[in-house]
N, C-alpha and C. Protein backbone atom coordinates (compact mmCIF):
# COMPACT_ATOMS: atom_id res chain seq x y z
N MET A 1 1.50 1.34 20.59
CA MET A 1 2.21 1.59 19.34
C MET A 1 2.02 0.40 18.40
N ALA A 2 1.77 0.69 17.15
CA ALA A 2 1.55 -0.35 16.15
C ALA A 2 2.88 -1.00 15.78
N THR A 3 2.85 -2.30 15.63
CA THR A 3 4.04 -3.04 15.20
C THR A 3 4.12 -3.02 13.67
N PRO A 4 5.32 -3.24 13.10
CA PRO A 4 5.43 -3.30 11.63
C PRO A 4 4.47 -4.33 11.03
N ALA A 5 4.33 -5.49 11.67
CA ALA A 5 3.44 -6.52 11.14
C ALA A 5 1.99 -6.05 11.15
N SER A 6 1.56 -5.38 12.21
CA SER A 6 0.17 -4.93 12.25
C SER A 6 -0.07 -3.81 11.24
N ILE A 7 0.91 -2.96 11.02
CA ILE A 7 0.77 -1.90 10.01
C ILE A 7 0.66 -2.55 8.62
N ASN A 8 1.54 -3.52 8.33
CA ASN A 8 1.48 -4.22 7.05
C ASN A 8 0.11 -4.85 6.84
N ASP A 9 -0.38 -5.55 7.86
CA ASP A 9 -1.68 -6.21 7.76
C ASP A 9 -2.79 -5.20 7.49
N ARG A 10 -2.74 -4.10 8.19
CA ARG A 10 -3.77 -3.06 8.03
C ARG A 10 -3.74 -2.50 6.60
N VAL A 11 -2.55 -2.22 6.09
CA VAL A 11 -2.41 -1.68 4.73
C VAL A 11 -2.88 -2.70 3.70
N LEU A 12 -2.42 -3.94 3.82
CA LEU A 12 -2.80 -4.96 2.85
C LEU A 12 -4.30 -5.23 2.87
N ASP A 13 -4.89 -5.27 4.05
CA ASP A 13 -6.35 -5.46 4.15
C ASP A 13 -7.09 -4.31 3.45
N ALA A 14 -6.64 -3.10 3.69
CA ALA A 14 -7.28 -1.94 3.07
C ALA A 14 -7.15 -1.98 1.55
N LEU A 15 -5.98 -2.38 1.06
CA LEU A 15 -5.77 -2.48 -0.40
C LEU A 15 -6.67 -3.55 -1.01
N GLN A 16 -6.82 -4.66 -0.33
CA GLN A 16 -7.64 -5.76 -0.85
C GLN A 16 -9.13 -5.45 -0.77
N ASN A 17 -9.54 -4.58 0.13
CA ASN A 17 -10.95 -4.26 0.29
C ASN A 17 -11.40 -3.03 -0.48
N ASP A 18 -10.47 -2.32 -1.08
CA ASP A 18 -10.83 -1.13 -1.85
C ASP A 18 -11.03 -1.53 -3.32
N PRO A 19 -12.16 -1.15 -3.92
CA PRO A 19 -12.41 -1.54 -5.31
C PRO A 19 -11.38 -1.01 -6.30
N ARG A 20 -10.68 0.07 -5.95
CA ARG A 20 -9.67 0.63 -6.87
C ARG A 20 -8.42 -0.22 -6.94
N THR A 21 -8.14 -1.00 -5.90
CA THR A 21 -6.88 -1.77 -5.86
C THR A 21 -7.10 -3.25 -5.60
N ARG A 22 -8.34 -3.68 -5.55
CA ARG A 22 -8.68 -5.07 -5.20
C ARG A 22 -7.97 -6.08 -6.10
N LYS A 23 -7.82 -5.80 -7.39
CA LYS A 23 -7.25 -6.76 -8.34
C LYS A 23 -5.74 -6.59 -8.52
N ALA A 24 -5.16 -5.63 -7.85
CA ALA A 24 -3.72 -5.35 -8.00
C ALA A 24 -2.88 -6.36 -7.23
N VAL A 25 -1.66 -6.54 -7.69
CA VAL A 25 -0.69 -7.39 -7.00
C VAL A 25 0.29 -6.44 -6.30
N ILE A 26 0.03 -6.19 -5.00
CA ILE A 26 0.82 -5.23 -4.24
C ILE A 26 1.29 -5.87 -2.95
N GLU A 27 2.56 -5.64 -2.64
CA GLU A 27 3.13 -6.08 -1.37
C GLU A 27 3.47 -4.83 -0.56
N ALA A 28 3.52 -4.99 0.75
CA ALA A 28 3.86 -3.88 1.63
C ALA A 28 4.85 -4.35 2.69
N SER A 29 5.81 -3.49 2.99
CA SER A 29 6.72 -3.76 4.10
C SER A 29 6.82 -2.48 4.92
N SER A 30 7.04 -2.64 6.21
CA SER A 30 7.03 -1.49 7.11
C SER A 30 8.26 -1.49 7.99
N LEU A 31 8.81 -0.30 8.18
CA LEU A 31 9.92 -0.11 9.11
C LEU A 31 9.79 1.29 9.69
N GLY A 32 9.57 1.35 10.99
CA GLY A 32 9.47 2.64 11.67
C GLY A 32 8.34 3.52 11.17
N GLY A 33 7.24 2.91 10.75
CA GLY A 33 6.10 3.68 10.26
C GLY A 33 6.19 4.06 8.81
N VAL A 34 7.29 3.70 8.15
CA VAL A 34 7.44 3.95 6.72
C VAL A 34 7.03 2.69 5.97
N ILE A 35 6.01 2.80 5.15
CA ILE A 35 5.52 1.68 4.35
C ILE A 35 6.14 1.76 2.97
N THR A 36 6.68 0.66 2.50
CA THR A 36 7.17 0.57 1.13
C THR A 36 6.21 -0.34 0.36
N LEU A 37 5.64 0.21 -0.70
CA LEU A 37 4.73 -0.54 -1.55
C LEU A 37 5.47 -0.98 -2.80
N THR A 38 5.33 -2.25 -3.14
CA THR A 38 5.93 -2.80 -4.36
C THR A 38 4.88 -3.63 -5.07
N GLY A 39 5.13 -3.90 -6.33
CA GLY A 39 4.22 -4.73 -7.11
C GLY A 39 3.95 -4.09 -8.46
N THR A 40 2.89 -4.57 -9.10
CA THR A 40 2.53 -4.11 -10.44
C THR A 40 1.03 -3.84 -10.50
N VAL A 41 0.68 -2.73 -11.12
CA VAL A 41 -0.72 -2.37 -11.32
C VAL A 41 -0.94 -2.05 -12.79
N ARG A 42 -2.20 -1.87 -13.17
CA ARG A 42 -2.53 -1.65 -14.58
C ARG A 42 -2.53 -0.18 -15.01
N SER A 43 -2.57 0.74 -14.04
CA SER A 43 -2.65 2.16 -14.42
C SER A 43 -2.01 3.04 -13.36
N GLU A 44 -1.71 4.27 -13.76
CA GLU A 44 -1.18 5.25 -12.82
C GLU A 44 -2.21 5.58 -11.75
N ALA A 45 -3.49 5.60 -12.13
CA ALA A 45 -4.55 5.88 -11.16
C ALA A 45 -4.58 4.81 -10.07
N GLU A 46 -4.38 3.56 -10.44
CA GLU A 46 -4.36 2.46 -9.47
C GLU A 46 -3.13 2.59 -8.56
N ARG A 47 -2.01 2.99 -9.13
CA ARG A 47 -0.78 3.20 -8.36
C ARG A 47 -0.98 4.30 -7.32
N GLN A 48 -1.58 5.41 -7.75
CA GLN A 48 -1.82 6.53 -6.85
C GLN A 48 -2.84 6.18 -5.78
N ALA A 49 -3.86 5.40 -6.15
CA ALA A 49 -4.88 4.97 -5.18
C ALA A 49 -4.24 4.13 -4.08
N ALA A 50 -3.33 3.24 -4.46
CA ALA A 50 -2.66 2.38 -3.48
C ALA A 50 -1.89 3.24 -2.47
N GLU A 51 -1.20 4.25 -2.95
CA GLU A 51 -0.45 5.13 -2.05
C GLU A 51 -1.40 5.88 -1.12
N GLU A 52 -2.48 6.38 -1.67
CA GLU A 52 -3.47 7.12 -0.86
C GLU A 52 -4.07 6.22 0.23
N ILE A 53 -4.42 5.02 -0.14
CA ILE A 53 -5.00 4.06 0.81
C ILE A 53 -4.00 3.76 1.92
N ALA A 54 -2.75 3.53 1.56
CA ALA A 54 -1.71 3.23 2.55
C ALA A 54 -1.53 4.40 3.51
N ARG A 55 -1.49 5.62 3.00
CA ARG A 55 -1.29 6.81 3.84
C ARG A 55 -2.39 6.98 4.88
N GLU A 56 -3.59 6.51 4.57
CA GLU A 56 -4.74 6.69 5.46
C GLU A 56 -4.74 5.73 6.65
N GLN A 57 -3.85 4.75 6.65
CA GLN A 57 -3.89 3.73 7.69
C GLN A 57 -3.16 4.17 8.95
N GLU A 58 -3.72 3.80 10.09
CA GLU A 58 -3.13 4.13 11.38
C GLU A 58 -1.72 3.56 11.48
N GLY A 59 -0.79 4.36 11.96
CA GLY A 59 0.58 3.92 12.16
C GLY A 59 1.49 4.22 10.99
N VAL A 60 0.91 4.63 9.84
CA VAL A 60 1.71 4.94 8.66
C VAL A 60 2.14 6.40 8.74
N LEU A 61 3.45 6.61 8.76
CA LEU A 61 3.99 7.97 8.81
C LEU A 61 4.36 8.48 7.43
N SER A 62 4.78 7.55 6.56
CA SER A 62 5.25 7.92 5.24
C SER A 62 5.08 6.71 4.32
N VAL A 63 4.96 6.97 3.01
CA VAL A 63 4.82 5.90 2.04
C VAL A 63 5.87 6.05 0.95
N MET A 64 6.60 4.98 0.71
CA MET A 64 7.53 4.90 -0.42
C MET A 64 6.82 4.05 -1.48
N ASN A 65 6.42 4.66 -2.56
CA ASN A 65 5.65 3.97 -3.58
C ASN A 65 6.59 3.51 -4.70
N GLU A 66 6.91 2.21 -4.69
CA GLU A 66 7.77 1.62 -5.71
C GLU A 66 6.97 0.71 -6.65
N ILE A 67 5.66 0.92 -6.70
CA ILE A 67 4.78 0.13 -7.56
C ILE A 67 5.05 0.51 -9.01
N LYS A 68 5.10 -0.49 -9.86
CA LYS A 68 5.30 -0.31 -11.30
C LYS A 68 3.96 -0.40 -12.02
N VAL A 69 3.82 0.38 -13.08
CA VAL A 69 2.63 0.32 -13.93
C VAL A 69 2.97 -0.55 -15.13
N SER A 70 2.19 -1.62 -15.34
CA SER A 70 2.45 -2.52 -16.47
C SER A 70 1.99 -1.83 -17.76
N ARG A 71 2.70 -2.07 -18.78
CA ARG A 71 2.39 -1.43 -20.08
C ARG A 71 1.97 -2.45 -21.10
């Protein structure tokens, strides 16, 4: 079973390695397989990409996307 720390690491690594979210300032926290994403991005597309990337990671059961889009 994946630990919260390993899930966080996996999600953050994936976000940093994906060209859609590489420049974003995003934090992740995990509890019971639920990842909460916070931070600020430049567009709604970047916000949605971050959620999609997080959902694809092993151990993630659900994503709470609290990322803000800067205006």
